[in-house]
Amino acid sequence: MSQQQLLLKQENLSISQILRIYGKQFTQITERYSDGNNGRCAIGLIMSYYGWNGKDDSQASGKLLGALIALRYAGIDKNLIIQLNDSGATFDEIADYLDDDKSPNLFEDYNIPIPVYHLA
């Protein structure tokens, strides 16, 4: 394990902290995890925090699994992160949304339908 990966794992950051801090190291893209270089979507950025190099290789699936487990543990729906990212919300805006107790304002700003849940 590289020194950088070891340091990252020791920090134990929240998802919003990962987006804010490590988002500055990447160019934000949409509709794919990575552009193979320095571009990442929000999920790809979280995968990179867990050690992914942005390449489509045998390690990518393990890093995706790590990111999905972290999201689930934090109570965050991966589809929400994908929708916000692909609708134009920046890494910082997504982090703000996560920290603001899931306020619906960002849904309105990016014309994302607000989820409606029905009790059975």
C-alpha atoms as a PDB file:
ATOM      1  CA  MET A   1       0.000   0.000   0.000  1.00  0.00           C
ATOM      2  CA  SER A   2       1.429   3.408  -0.920  1.00  0.00           C
ATOM      3  CA  GLN A   3       2.188   6.046   1.700  1.00  0.00           C
ATOM      4  CA  GLN A   4      -0.563   8.306   0.300  1.00  0.00           C
ATOM      5  CA  GLN A   5      -3.185   5.547   0.496  1.00  0.00           C
ATOM      6  CA  LEU A   6      -2.131   4.713   4.040  1.00  0.00           C
ATOM      7  CA  LEU A   7      -2.457   8.369   5.091  1.00  0.00           C
ATOM      8  CA  LEU A   8      -5.852   8.652   3.445  1.00  0.00           C
ATOM      9  CA  LYS A   9      -7.209   5.597   5.221  1.00  0.00           C
ATOM     10  CA  GLN A  10      -5.944   6.883   8.577  1.00  0.00           C
ATOM     11  CA  GLU A  11      -7.846  10.148   8.182  1.00  0.00           C
ATOM     12  CA  ASN A  12     -11.289   8.457   8.177  1.00  0.00           C
ATOM     13  CA  LEU A  13     -13.095  11.392   6.572  1.00  0.00           C
ATOM     14  CA  SER A  14     -16.828  11.792   6.058  1.00  0.00           C
ATOM     15  CA  ILE A  15     -18.180  11.659   2.492  1.00  0.00           C
ATOM     16  CA  SER A  16     -18.681  15.449   2.460  1.00  0.00           C
ATOM     17  CA  GLN A  17     -15.100  15.974   3.685  1.00  0.00           C
ATOM     18  CA  ILE A  18     -13.783  13.667   0.965  1.00  0.00           C
ATOM     19  CA  LEU A  19     -15.685  15.655  -1.675  1.00  0.00           C
ATOM     20  CA  ARG A  20     -14.452  19.004  -0.336  1.00  0.00           C
ATOM     21  CA  ILE A  21     -10.826  18.124   0.319  1.00  0.00           C
ATOM     22  CA  TYR A  22      -9.975  15.690  -2.465  1.00  0.00           C
ATOM     23  CA  GLY A  23     -12.298  17.293  -5.001  1.00  0.00           C
ATOM     24  CA  LYS A  24      -9.726  20.055  -5.380  1.00  0.00           C
ATOM     25  CA  GLN A  25      -7.267  17.527  -6.829  1.00  0.00           C
ATOM     26  CA  PHE A  26      -9.526  16.490  -9.723  1.00  0.00           C
ATOM     27  CA  THR A  27     -11.489  17.982 -12.594  1.00  0.00           C
ATOM     28  CA  GLN A  28     -15.166  17.166 -12.167  1.00  0.00           C
ATOM     29  CA  ILE A  29     -16.770  15.175 -14.973  1.00  0.00           C
ATOM     30  CA  THR A  30     -20.192  13.633 -15.552  1.00  0.00           C
ATOM     31  CA  GLU A  31     -21.619  10.298 -16.682  1.00  0.00           C
ATOM     32  CA  ARG A  32     -18.568   8.159 -15.911  1.00  0.00           C
ATOM     33  CA  TYR A  33     -16.351   7.520 -12.895  1.00  0.00           C
ATOM     34  CA  SER A  34     -13.120   8.704 -14.520  1.00  0.00           C
ATOM     35  CA  ASP A  35     -11.791  10.020 -17.790  1.00  0.00           C
ATOM     36  CA  GLY A  36      -8.658   7.887 -17.327  1.00  0.00           C
ATOM     37  CA  ASN A  37      -6.641  10.932 -16.301  1.00  0.00           C
ATOM     38  CA  ASN A  38      -7.460  13.608 -13.731  1.00  0.00           C
ATOM     39  CA  GLY A  39     -11.236  13.777 -14.262  1.00  0.00           C
ATOM     40  CA  ARG A  40     -13.603  12.198 -11.742  1.00  0.00           C
ATOM     41  CA  CYS A  41     -17.307  12.262 -10.987  1.00  0.00           C
ATOM     42  CA  ALA A  42     -18.335  12.359  -7.319  1.00  0.00           C
ATOM     43  CA  ILE A  43     -18.453   8.549  -7.049  1.00  0.00           C
ATOM     44  CA  GLY A  44     -15.118   8.260  -8.878  1.00  0.00           C
ATOM     45  CA  LEU A  45     -13.633  10.768  -6.455  1.00  0.00           C
ATOM     46  CA  ILE A  46     -14.782   8.661  -3.499  1.00  0.00           C
ATOM     47  CA  MET A  47     -13.335   5.570  -5.211  1.00  0.00           C
ATOM     48  CA  SER A  48     -10.027   7.427  -5.588  1.00  0.00           C
ATOM     49  CA  TYR A  49     -10.059   8.266  -1.888  1.00  0.00           C
ATOM     50  CA  TYR A  50     -10.107   4.511  -1.302  1.00  0.00           C
ATOM     51  CA  GLY A  51      -7.074   4.049  -3.546  1.00  0.00           C
ATOM     52  CA  TRP A  52      -8.361   3.846  -7.127  1.00  0.00           C
ATOM     53  CA  ASN A  53      -6.035   5.299  -9.762  1.00  0.00           C
ATOM     54  CA  GLY A  54      -8.820   6.208 -12.199  1.00  0.00           C
ATOM     55  CA  LYS A  55      -7.958   3.478 -14.683  1.00  0.00           C
ATOM     56  CA  ASP A  56     -10.329   0.739 -15.816  1.00  0.00           C
ATOM     57  CA  ASP A  57      -8.391  -2.166 -14.382  1.00  0.00           C
ATOM     58  CA  SER A  58      -8.863  -5.151 -12.120  1.00  0.00           C
ATOM     59  CA  GLN A  59      -8.765  -2.984  -8.981  1.00  0.00           C
ATOM     60  CA  ALA A  60     -11.617  -0.706 -10.058  1.00  0.00           C
ATOM     61  CA  SER A  61     -14.403  -3.033  -8.911  1.00  0.00           C
ATOM     62  CA  GLY A  62     -12.911  -3.381  -5.432  1.00  0.00           C
ATOM     63  CA  LYS A  63     -12.579   0.395  -5.063  1.00  0.00           C
ATOM     64  CA  LEU A  64     -16.169   0.855  -6.264  1.00  0.00           C
ATOM     65  CA  LEU A  65     -17.313  -1.636  -3.661  1.00  0.00           C
ATOM     66  CA  GLY A  66     -15.388   0.280  -0.976  1.00  0.00           C
ATOM     67  CA  ALA A  67     -17.018   3.542  -2.051  1.00  0.00           C
ATOM     68  CA  LEU A  68     -20.497   1.983  -2.091  1.00  0.00           C
ATOM     69  CA  ILE A  69     -20.002   0.501   1.381  1.00  0.00           C
ATOM     70  CA  ALA A  70     -18.864   3.907   2.682  1.00  0.00           C
ATOM     71  CA  LEU A  71     -21.949   5.574   1.167  1.00  0.00           C
ATOM     72  CA  ARG A  72     -24.283   2.956   2.614  1.00  0.00           C
ATOM     73  CA  TYR A  73     -22.619   3.208   6.032  1.00  0.00           C
ATOM     74  CA  ALA A  74     -23.134   6.995   5.904  1.00  0.00           C
ATOM     75  CA  GLY A  75     -26.802   6.515   4.905  1.00  0.00           C
ATOM     76  CA  ILE A  76     -26.289   8.138   1.494  1.00  0.00           C
ATOM     77  CA  ASP A  77     -27.959   6.809  -1.649  1.00  0.00           C
ATOM     78  CA  LYS A  78     -25.396   6.443  -4.440  1.00  0.00           C
ATOM     79  CA  ASN A  79     -28.056   7.337  -7.012  1.00  0.00           C
ATOM     80  CA  LEU A  80     -28.579  10.691  -5.306  1.00  0.00           C
ATOM     81  CA  ILE A  81     -24.858  11.460  -5.567  1.00  0.00           C
ATOM     82  CA  ILE A  82     -24.888  10.435  -9.232  1.00  0.00           C
ATOM     83  CA  GLN A  83     -27.962  12.585  -9.976  1.00  0.00           C
ATOM     84  CA  LEU A  84     -26.500  15.635  -8.259  1.00  0.00           C
ATOM     85  CA  ASN A  85     -23.134  15.235  -9.983  1.00  0.00           C
ATOM     86  CA  ASP A  86     -24.590  14.647 -13.448  1.00  0.00           C
ATOM     87  CA  SER A  87     -27.018  17.562 -13.027  1.00  0.00           C
ATOM     88  CA  GLY A  88     -24.150  20.014 -12.568  1.00  0.00           C
ATOM     89  CA  ALA A  89     -23.719  20.297  -8.804  1.00  0.00           C
ATOM     90  CA  THR A  90     -20.061  20.824  -7.886  1.00  0.00           C
ATOM     91  CA  PHE A  91     -18.236  18.642  -5.383  1.00  0.00           C
ATOM     92  CA  ASP A  92     -18.594  21.430  -2.804  1.00  0.00           C
ATOM     93  CA  GLU A  93     -22.320  21.812  -3.505  1.00  0.00           C
ATOM     94  CA  ILE A  94     -22.860  18.073  -3.113  1.00  0.00           C
ATOM     95  CA  ALA A  95     -20.917  18.177   0.165  1.00  0.00           C
ATOM     96  CA  ASP A  96     -23.001  21.160   1.348  1.00  0.00           C
ATOM     97  CA  TYR A  97     -26.154  19.256   0.476  1.00  0.00           C
ATOM     98  CA  LEU A  98     -25.007  16.242   2.500  1.00  0.00           C
ATOM     99  CA  ASP A  99     -24.129  18.457   5.456  1.00  0.00           C
ATOM    100  CA  ASP A 100     -27.397  20.431   5.292  1.00  0.00           C
ATOM    101  CA  ASP A 101     -29.471  17.465   6.423  1.00  0.00           C
ATOM    102  CA  LYS A 102     -30.685  16.632   2.915  1.00  0.00           C
ATOM    103  CA  SER A 103     -32.306  20.026   2.286  1.00  0.00           C
ATOM    104  CA  PRO A 104     -34.425  19.960  -0.915  1.00  0.00           C
ATOM    105  CA  ASN A 105     -33.015  23.292  -2.191  1.00  0.00           C
ATOM    106  CA  LEU A 106     -30.329  21.664  -4.306  1.00  0.00           C
ATOM    107  CA  PHE A 107     -32.965  19.517  -6.003  1.00  0.00           C
ATOM    108  CA  GLU A 108     -34.767  22.691  -7.059  1.00  0.00           C
ATOM    109  CA  ASP A 109     -31.570  24.445  -8.171  1.00  0.00           C
ATOM    110  CA  TYR A 110     -30.681  21.605 -10.549  1.00  0.00           C
ATOM    111  CA  ASN A 111     -34.201  20.584 -11.602  1.00  0.00           C
ATOM    112  CA  ILE A 112     -33.936  17.167 -10.000  1.00  0.00           C
ATOM    113  CA  PRO A 113     -37.269  15.637  -9.035  1.00  0.00           C
ATOM    114  CA  ILE A 114     -37.638  15.446  -5.270  1.00  0.00           C
ATOM    115  CA  PRO A 115     -38.089  11.805  -4.250  1.00  0.00           C
ATOM    116  CA  VAL A 116     -41.534  10.974  -2.888  1.00  0.00           C
ATOM    117  CA  TYR A 117     -41.848   8.010  -0.593  1.00  0.00           C
ATOM    118  CA  HIS A 118     -45.149   6.219  -0.042  1.00  0.00           C
ATOM    119  CA  LEU A 119     -45.841   4.219   3.066  1.00  0.00           C
ATOM    120  CA  ALA A 120     -47.290   0.834   2.360  1.00  0.00           C
END
